[in-house]
C-alpha atoms as a PDB file:
ATOM      1  CA  ASP A   1       5.337  49.553  36.738  1.00  0.00           C
ATOM      2  CA  ALA A   2       2.019  47.746  36.274  1.00  0.00           C
ATOM      3  CA  THR A   3       0.099  51.031  36.191  1.00  0.00           C
ATOM      4  CA  LEU A   4       2.461  52.495  33.612  1.00  0.00           C
ATOM      5  CA  GLU A   5       2.178  49.345  31.506  1.00  0.00           C
ATOM      6  CA  HIS A   6      -1.596  49.664  31.694  1.00  0.00           C
ATOM      7  CA  ALA A   7      -1.394  53.327  30.625  1.00  0.00           C
ATOM      8  CA  ARG A   8       0.789  52.403  27.633  1.00  0.00           C
ATOM      9  CA  ALA A   9      -1.670  49.661  26.655  1.00  0.00           C
ATOM     10  CA  CYS A  10      -4.549  52.135  26.904  1.00  0.00           C
ATOM     11  CA  ALA A  11      -2.688  54.538  24.610  1.00  0.00           C
ATOM     12  CA  LYS A  12      -2.126  51.730  22.080  1.00  0.00           C
ATOM     13  CA  LEU A  13      -5.853  50.988  22.164  1.00  0.00           C
ATOM     14  CA  GLY A  14      -6.592  54.604  21.256  1.00  0.00           C
ATOM     15  CA  LEU A  15      -7.672  56.026  24.595  1.00  0.00           C
ATOM     16  CA  HIS A  16      -6.945  59.722  24.991  1.00  0.00           C
ATOM     17  CA  GLY A  17      -6.558  60.145  28.713  1.00  0.00           C
ATOM     18  CA  TYR A  18      -5.686  58.361  31.931  1.00  0.00           C
ATOM     19  CA  ARG A  19      -7.204  59.189  35.314  1.00  0.00           C
ATOM     20  CA  VAL A  20      -5.355  58.486  38.537  1.00  0.00           C
ATOM     21  CA  ASN A  21      -7.396  58.466  41.745  1.00  0.00           C
ATOM     22  CA  GLU A  22      -5.507  59.550  44.863  1.00  0.00           C
ATOM     23  CA  TYR A  23      -7.475  59.333  48.070  1.00  0.00           C
ATOM     24  CA  PRO A  24      -5.337  58.477  51.106  1.00  0.00           C
ATOM     25  CA  ALA A  25      -2.880  61.373  50.813  1.00  0.00           C
ATOM     26  CA  GLY A  26      -4.987  64.447  51.586  1.00  0.00           C
ATOM     27  CA  ALA A  27      -3.269  67.056  53.719  1.00  0.00           C
ATOM     28  CA  GLU A  28      -5.731  66.339  56.520  1.00  0.00           C
ATOM     29  CA  LEU A  29      -4.534  62.701  56.641  1.00  0.00           C
ATOM     30  CA  LEU A  30      -0.868  62.722  55.695  1.00  0.00           C
ATOM     31  CA  SER A  31       1.868  65.115  56.738  1.00  0.00           C
ATOM     32  CA  GLU A  32       3.758  67.187  54.204  1.00  0.00           C
ATOM     33  CA  GLU A  33       6.948  65.310  55.091  1.00  0.00           C
ATOM     34  CA  HIS A  34       5.381  61.911  54.477  1.00  0.00           C
ATOM     35  CA  TYR A  35       3.641  63.064  51.309  1.00  0.00           C
ATOM     36  CA  LEU A  36       6.947  64.243  49.853  1.00  0.00           C
ATOM     37  CA  GLU A  37       8.788  61.102  50.920  1.00  0.00           C
ATOM     38  CA  PHE A  38       6.267  58.386  50.067  1.00  0.00           C
ATOM     39  CA  VAL A  39       3.674  59.729  47.621  1.00  0.00           C
ATOM     40  CA  PHE A  40       5.131  62.525  45.522  1.00  0.00           C
ATOM     41  CA  PRO A  41       8.042  60.578  43.947  1.00  0.00           C
ATOM     42  CA  TYR A  42       5.645  57.822  42.894  1.00  0.00           C
ATOM     43  CA  LYS A  43       3.165  60.328  41.443  1.00  0.00           C
ATOM     44  CA  LYS A  44       5.923  62.185  39.598  1.00  0.00           C
ATOM     45  CA  ARG A  45       7.120  58.959  37.975  1.00  0.00           C
ATOM     46  CA  LEU A  46       3.560  57.897  37.211  1.00  0.00           C
ATOM     47  CA  PHE A  47       2.468  61.163  35.572  1.00  0.00           C
ATOM     48  CA  THR A  48       5.714  61.467  33.620  1.00  0.00           C
ATOM     49  CA  GLY A  49       5.163  57.958  32.236  1.00  0.00           C
ATOM     50  CA  ILE A  50       1.528  58.628  31.372  1.00  0.00           C
ATOM     51  CA  LYS A  51       2.538  61.799  29.502  1.00  0.00           C
ATOM     52  CA  GLU A  52       5.306  59.899  27.692  1.00  0.00           C
ATOM     53  CA  ALA A  53       2.648  57.397  26.580  1.00  0.00           C
ATOM     54  CA  GLY A  54       0.891  60.320  24.893  1.00  0.00           C
ATOM     55  CA  LEU A  55      -2.114  60.437  27.187  1.00  0.00           C
ATOM     56  CA  VAL A  56      -3.894  63.356  28.807  1.00  0.00           C
ATOM     57  CA  THR A  57      -3.232  63.141  32.550  1.00  0.00           C
ATOM     58  CA  ILE A  58      -6.112  63.478  34.992  1.00  0.00           C
ATOM     59  CA  LEU A  59      -5.538  63.589  38.753  1.00  0.00           C
ATOM     60  CA  GLU A  60      -8.608  62.895  40.867  1.00  0.00           C
ATOM     61  CA  TYR A  61      -7.532  63.927  44.341  1.00  0.00           C
ATOM     62  CA  LEU A  62      -9.706  63.396  47.381  1.00  0.00           C
ATOM     63  CA  GLY A  63      -9.075  65.155  50.639  1.00  0.00           C
ATOM     64  CA  TRP A  64      -7.623  68.550  51.450  1.00  0.00           C
ATOM     65  CA  VAL A  65      -6.034  69.734  48.225  1.00  0.00           C
ATOM     66  CA  GLU A  66      -4.760  73.268  48.745  1.00  0.00           C
ATOM     67  CA  PRO A  67      -1.511  72.419  50.612  1.00  0.00           C
ATOM     68  CA  ARG A  68      -0.622  69.959  47.819  1.00  0.00           C
ATOM     69  CA  LEU A  69      -1.125  72.378  44.900  1.00  0.00           C
ATOM     70  CA  PRO A  70       2.542  73.484  44.594  1.00  0.00           C
ATOM     71  CA  HIS A  71       3.481  69.811  44.264  1.00  0.00           C
ATOM     72  CA  PHE A  72       0.741  69.177  41.705  1.00  0.00           C
ATOM     73  CA  ALA A  73       2.216  71.984  39.608  1.00  0.00           C
ATOM     74  CA  LYS A  74       5.412  69.906  39.389  1.00  0.00           C
ATOM     75  CA  LEU A  75       3.488  66.830  38.194  1.00  0.00           C
ATOM     76  CA  ASP A  76       2.551  68.453  34.866  1.00  0.00           C
ATOM     77  CA  ILE A  77      -1.054  67.265  35.096  1.00  0.00           C
ATOM     78  CA  ASP A  78      -3.557  68.214  32.406  1.00  0.00           C
ATOM     79  CA  CYS A  79      -6.734  67.977  34.511  1.00  0.00           C
ATOM     80  CA  LEU A  80      -7.491  68.181  38.234  1.00  0.00           C
ATOM     81  CA  GLN A  81     -10.668  66.762  39.758  1.00  0.00           C
ATOM     82  CA  THR A  82     -11.293  67.185  43.481  1.00  0.00           C
ATOM     83  CA  GLU A  83     -13.980  66.780  46.041  1.00  0.00           C
ATOM     84  CA  SER A  84     -15.940  69.677  47.441  1.00  0.00           C
ATOM     85  CA  SER A  85     -14.896  71.328  50.685  1.00  0.00           C
ATOM     86  CA  ARG A  86     -15.559  68.740  53.347  1.00  0.00           C
ATOM     87  CA  LYS A  87     -14.483  67.782  56.839  1.00  0.00           C
ATOM     88  CA  ASN A  88     -13.500  71.306  57.961  1.00  0.00           C
ATOM     89  CA  TYR A  89     -11.121  72.160  55.127  1.00  0.00           C
ATOM     90  CA  ARG A  90     -11.441  74.309  52.022  1.00  0.00           C
ATOM     91  CA  ASN A  91     -10.953  73.143  48.427  1.00  0.00           C
ATOM     92  CA  ASP A  92     -11.355  76.309  46.377  1.00  0.00           C
ATOM     93  CA  VAL A  93     -11.192  76.128  42.569  1.00  0.00           C
ATOM     94  CA  ALA A  94      -9.993  79.751  42.460  1.00  0.00           C
ATOM     95  CA  GLN A  95      -6.945  78.733  44.496  1.00  0.00           C
ATOM     96  CA  TYR A  96      -6.324  75.815  42.127  1.00  0.00           C
ATOM     97  CA  ARG A  97      -6.314  78.203  39.183  1.00  0.00           C
ATOM     98  CA  ALA A  98      -4.033  80.671  40.963  1.00  0.00           C
ATOM     99  CA  VAL A  99      -1.418  78.007  41.732  1.00  0.00           C
ATOM    100  CA  LEU A 100      -1.715  75.718  38.707  1.00  0.00           C
ATOM    101  CA  GLY A 101      -2.097  78.427  36.067  1.00  0.00           C
ATOM    102  CA  GLU A 102      -4.089  78.446  32.862  1.00  0.00           C
ATOM    103  CA  GLU A 103      -2.949  75.203  31.251  1.00  0.00           C
ATOM    104  CA  VAL A 104      -4.605  72.820  33.720  1.00  0.00           C
ATOM    105  CA  CYS A 105      -8.277  71.983  33.196  1.00  0.00           C
ATOM    106  CA  ILE A 106     -10.047  72.348  36.528  1.00  0.00           C
ATOM    107  CA  LEU A 107     -13.068  70.129  37.096  1.00  0.00           C
ATOM    108  CA  GLY A 108     -15.678  71.769  39.289  1.00  0.00           C
ATOM    109  CA  ASN A 109     -16.270  70.427  42.765  1.00  0.00           C
ATOM    110  CA  SER A 110     -19.925  71.241  43.457  1.00  0.00           C
ATOM    111  CA  PRO A 111     -21.388  69.447  46.509  1.00  0.00           C
ATOM    112  CA  ILE A 112     -23.707  66.732  45.237  1.00  0.00           C
ATOM    113  CA  LEU A 113     -26.122  66.564  48.181  1.00  0.00           C
ATOM    114  CA  GLN A 114     -26.434  70.133  49.475  1.00  0.00           C
ATOM    115  CA  VAL A 115     -26.159  71.910  46.120  1.00  0.00           C
ATOM    116  CA  ILE A 116     -26.989  69.573  43.242  1.00  0.00           C
ATOM    117  CA  GLU A 117     -29.571  67.240  44.771  1.00  0.00           C
ATOM    118  CA  GLN A 118     -31.220  69.466  47.376  1.00  0.00           C
ATOM    119  CA  GLY A 119     -30.298  72.981  46.270  1.00  0.00           C
ATOM    120  CA  ASP A 120     -32.742  75.506  44.873  1.00  0.00           C
ATOM    121  CA  GLU A 121     -31.965  78.133  42.238  1.00  0.00           C
ATOM    122  CA  GLU A 122     -30.452  80.431  44.879  1.00  0.00           C
ATOM    123  CA  ALA A 123     -28.034  77.685  45.956  1.00  0.00           C
ATOM    124  CA  TRP A 124     -27.195  76.956  42.321  1.00  0.00           C
ATOM    125  CA  ARG A 125     -26.534  80.645  41.612  1.00  0.00           C
ATOM    126  CA  ALA A 126     -24.212  80.865  44.628  1.00  0.00           C
ATOM    127  CA  GLU A 127     -22.397  77.781  43.332  1.00  0.00           C
ATOM    128  CA  VAL A 128     -22.018  79.391  39.903  1.00  0.00           C
ATOM    129  CA  LEU A 129     -20.285  82.392  41.475  1.00  0.00           C
ATOM    130  CA  LYS A 130     -17.931  80.128  43.439  1.00  0.00           C
ATOM    131  CA  GLN A 131     -17.104  77.890  40.477  1.00  0.00           C
ATOM    132  CA  ALA A 132     -16.661  80.790  38.040  1.00  0.00           C
ATOM    133  CA  ARG A 133     -13.522  81.795  39.922  1.00  0.00           C
ATOM    134  CA  GLY A 134     -11.831  78.631  38.615  1.00  0.00           C
ATOM    135  CA  ILE A 135     -12.568  79.151  34.924  1.00  0.00           C
ATOM    136  CA  GLY A 136      -9.518  81.239  34.053  1.00  0.00           C
ATOM    137  CA  ASP A 137      -8.702  83.131  30.867  1.00  0.00           C
ATOM    138  CA  GLN A 138      -8.350  80.015  28.718  1.00  0.00           C
ATOM    139  CA  HIS A 139     -11.631  78.520  29.984  1.00  0.00           C
ATOM    140  CA  ARG A 140     -10.080  75.180  30.876  1.00  0.00           C
ATOM    141  CA  TYR A 141     -12.887  74.206  33.214  1.00  0.00           C
ATOM    142  CA  MET A 142     -15.569  71.496  33.310  1.00  0.00           C
ATOM    143  CA  VAL A 143     -18.769  71.358  35.351  1.00  0.00           C
ATOM    144  CA  CYS A 144     -18.454  68.429  37.752  1.00  0.00           C
ATOM    145  CA  ALA A 145     -19.742  67.168  41.087  1.00  0.00           C
ATOM    146  CA  GLY A 146     -17.286  67.198  43.961  1.00  0.00           C
ATOM    147  CA  SER A 147     -18.522  63.990  45.536  1.00  0.00           C
ATOM    148  CA  PRO A 148     -20.177  60.737  44.476  1.00  0.00           C
ATOM    149  CA  THR A 149     -23.731  60.951  43.195  1.00  0.00           C
ATOM    150  CA  THR A 150     -26.322  59.882  45.756  1.00  0.00           C
ATOM    151  CA  TRP A 151     -29.020  57.363  44.904  1.00  0.00           C
ATOM    152  CA  ALA A 152     -31.660  60.081  45.322  1.00  0.00           C
ATOM    153  CA  THR A 153     -30.058  62.326  42.691  1.00  0.00           C
ATOM    154  CA  LYS A 154     -31.964  61.491  39.541  1.00  0.00           C
ATOM    155  CA  PRO A 155     -30.325  61.737  36.097  1.00  0.00           C
ATOM    156  CA  ALA A 156     -32.771  64.500  35.127  1.00  0.00           C
ATOM    157  CA  ARG A 157     -31.621  66.555  38.136  1.00  0.00           C
ATOM    158  CA  LEU A 158     -27.962  66.098  37.145  1.00  0.00           C
ATOM    159  CA  ARG A 159     -28.744  67.205  33.597  1.00  0.00           C
ATOM    160  CA  GLU A 160     -30.702  70.217  34.853  1.00  0.00           C
ATOM    161  CA  PHE A 161     -27.832  71.242  37.135  1.00  0.00           C
ATOM    162  CA  GLY A 162     -25.244  70.762  34.392  1.00  0.00           C
ATOM    163  CA  GLU A 163     -27.227  72.829  31.921  1.00  0.00           C
ATOM    164  CA  TYR A 164     -27.872  75.538  34.505  1.00  0.00           C
ATOM    165  CA  MET A 165     -24.170  75.719  35.356  1.00  0.00           C
ATOM    166  CA  ARG A 166     -23.106  75.722  31.694  1.00  0.00           C
ATOM    167  CA  ASP A 167     -25.498  78.540  30.822  1.00  0.00           C
ATOM    168  CA  ALA A 168     -24.827  80.636  33.928  1.00  0.00           C
ATOM    169  CA  LEU A 169     -21.048  80.221  33.695  1.00  0.00           C
ATOM    170  CA  GLY A 170     -21.235  81.140  30.021  1.00  0.00           C
ATOM    171  CA  GLU A 171     -22.949  84.403  30.957  1.00  0.00           C
ATOM    172  CA  LEU A 172     -20.286  85.195  33.582  1.00  0.00           C
ATOM    173  CA  ALA A 173     -17.309  84.176  31.453  1.00  0.00           C
ATOM    174  CA  PRO A 174     -18.252  84.154  27.778  1.00  0.00           C
ATOM    175  CA  PRO A 175     -16.013  81.949  25.641  1.00  0.00           C
ATOM    176  CA  ASN A 176     -12.785  83.556  24.508  1.00  0.00           C
ATOM    177  CA  ARG A 177     -13.038  83.538  20.722  1.00  0.00           C
ATOM    178  CA  ALA A 178      -9.535  84.927  20.102  1.00  0.00           C
END
């Protein structure tokens, strides 16, 4: 109730969206049975209330995402932000797009250390090809890091990566002007 009240207050203040961070419910940590019993009903109520407040809904989900995607589709989220593939599981933006469809904006999940901070142009190009699979026909996709920024990742490096990704993704999937 307090979170929904906060979302309604944010809407009254003129905010456009509301981000909900979910980190202890990844499929590697919580069983499907327990997720459906303890987490999903709460999330459904929360996202319904945020939508009713007139806000764009953003789910930031940490952990193994893919087994939860069919449930996310029932939450009617507008945006999905996830971490990169970590800890021996796969979080693939192409799978997100396949399950969630074209209406959801997928935020990229590029690894901050191995790709953004330490990667060379070859690593960045490989990341472009991986991320491009999540763009979809409606181009509801944003370049994003899939983990927290490290202290050694300078703002100039983040800008360079973002611009590289934007330009390279634009070449692979030019904007749909229809």
